[in-house]
Protein backbone atom coordinates (compact mmCIF):
# COMPACT_ATOMS: atom_id res chain seq x y z
CA MET A 1 91.90 95.98 118.61
CA LYS A 2 91.48 99.27 120.55
CA GLU A 3 95.17 98.93 121.79
CA LEU A 4 96.41 98.11 118.14
CA VAL A 5 94.79 101.17 116.85
CA GLU A 6 96.03 103.35 119.64
CA HIS A 7 99.52 102.18 119.39
CA ILE A 8 99.68 102.89 115.82
CA ALA A 9 98.15 106.30 116.17
CA LYS A 10 100.61 107.16 118.87
CA ALA A 11 103.39 106.38 116.76
CA LEU A 12 102.26 108.60 113.90
CA VAL A 13 101.17 111.66 115.87
CA ASP A 14 103.00 114.58 117.51
CA HIS A 15 100.75 114.68 120.58
CA PRO A 16 100.41 110.89 121.56
CA ASP A 17 98.98 111.90 124.90
CA GLN A 18 95.84 113.26 122.97
CA VAL A 19 95.12 109.99 121.10
CA GLU A 20 91.71 108.57 122.16
CA VAL A 21 90.18 105.30 120.96
CA ARG A 22 86.51 104.23 121.70
CA ALA A 23 85.17 100.96 120.71
CA VAL A 24 81.38 101.07 119.75
CA GLY A 25 80.28 97.25 119.45
CA GLY A 26 77.57 95.74 117.83
CA ASP A 27 76.43 92.09 117.21
CA GLN A 28 79.07 91.30 114.31
CA ALA A 29 80.86 94.69 113.89
CA THR A 30 82.79 96.88 116.05
CA VAL A 31 83.43 100.44 115.22
CA LEU A 32 86.63 102.09 116.42
CA GLU A 33 86.48 105.83 116.63
CA LEU A 34 89.87 107.54 116.77
CA ARG A 35 90.35 110.96 118.04
CA VAL A 36 93.44 112.99 117.70
CA ALA A 37 94.62 116.52 118.40
CA PRO A 38 93.18 118.98 115.46
CA ASP A 39 96.96 119.48 114.10
CA ASP A 40 97.44 115.77 113.96
CA ILE A 41 94.64 114.77 111.79
CA GLY A 42 96.43 115.20 108.65
CA LYS A 43 99.13 112.57 109.87
CA VAL A 44 96.65 109.98 110.86
CA ILE A 45 94.64 110.32 107.53
CA GLY A 46 97.91 110.61 105.44
CA ARG A 47 98.20 111.69 101.73
CA GLN A 48 95.06 110.95 99.63
CA GLY A 49 93.97 108.73 102.91
CA ARG A 50 96.73 106.25 102.28
CA THR A 51 97.64 106.16 105.99
CA ALA A 52 93.83 105.80 107.12
CA ARG A 53 93.34 103.20 104.55
CA SER A 54 96.21 101.02 105.74
CA ILE A 55 95.30 101.19 109.13
CA ARG A 56 91.77 99.88 107.92
CA ALA A 57 93.40 97.02 105.96
CA ILE A 58 95.15 95.90 109.10
CA LEU A 59 91.86 96.04 110.98
CA ASN A 60 90.24 94.02 108.28
CA ALA A 61 93.08 91.36 108.59
CA ALA A 62 92.94 91.07 112.28
CA GLY A 63 89.07 90.87 112.01
CA VAL A 64 89.30 87.99 109.74
CA LYS A 65 91.27 86.03 112.28
CA ARG A 66 88.86 86.67 114.85
CA ARG A 67 85.69 86.45 112.71
CA ARG A 68 84.54 89.66 113.33
CA ARG A 69 84.32 93.07 111.31
CA PHE A 70 86.06 96.23 112.58
CA SER A 71 85.69 99.70 110.89
CA LEU A 72 87.60 102.66 111.86
CA GLU A 73 86.28 106.36 111.95
CA ILE A 74 88.47 109.17 112.28
CA LEU A 75 86.72 112.01 114.37
CA ASP A 76 87.55 115.92 114.41
């Protein structure tokens, strides 16, 4: 899942070399922390959060298949 979020984020931003994804795992849930360059945050979030919501929807769909819950946090 980490690779999936990283691939999507690198396709969206202007500075793909500064994309970092860190997985913080728990018992049933995994939090994926996405960090991008400061001027690329708007591209990852999108207008009114639509892009971020879409990435989260993909994670939820993939999580159902793996029987695990994933959430995405976009860090400054």
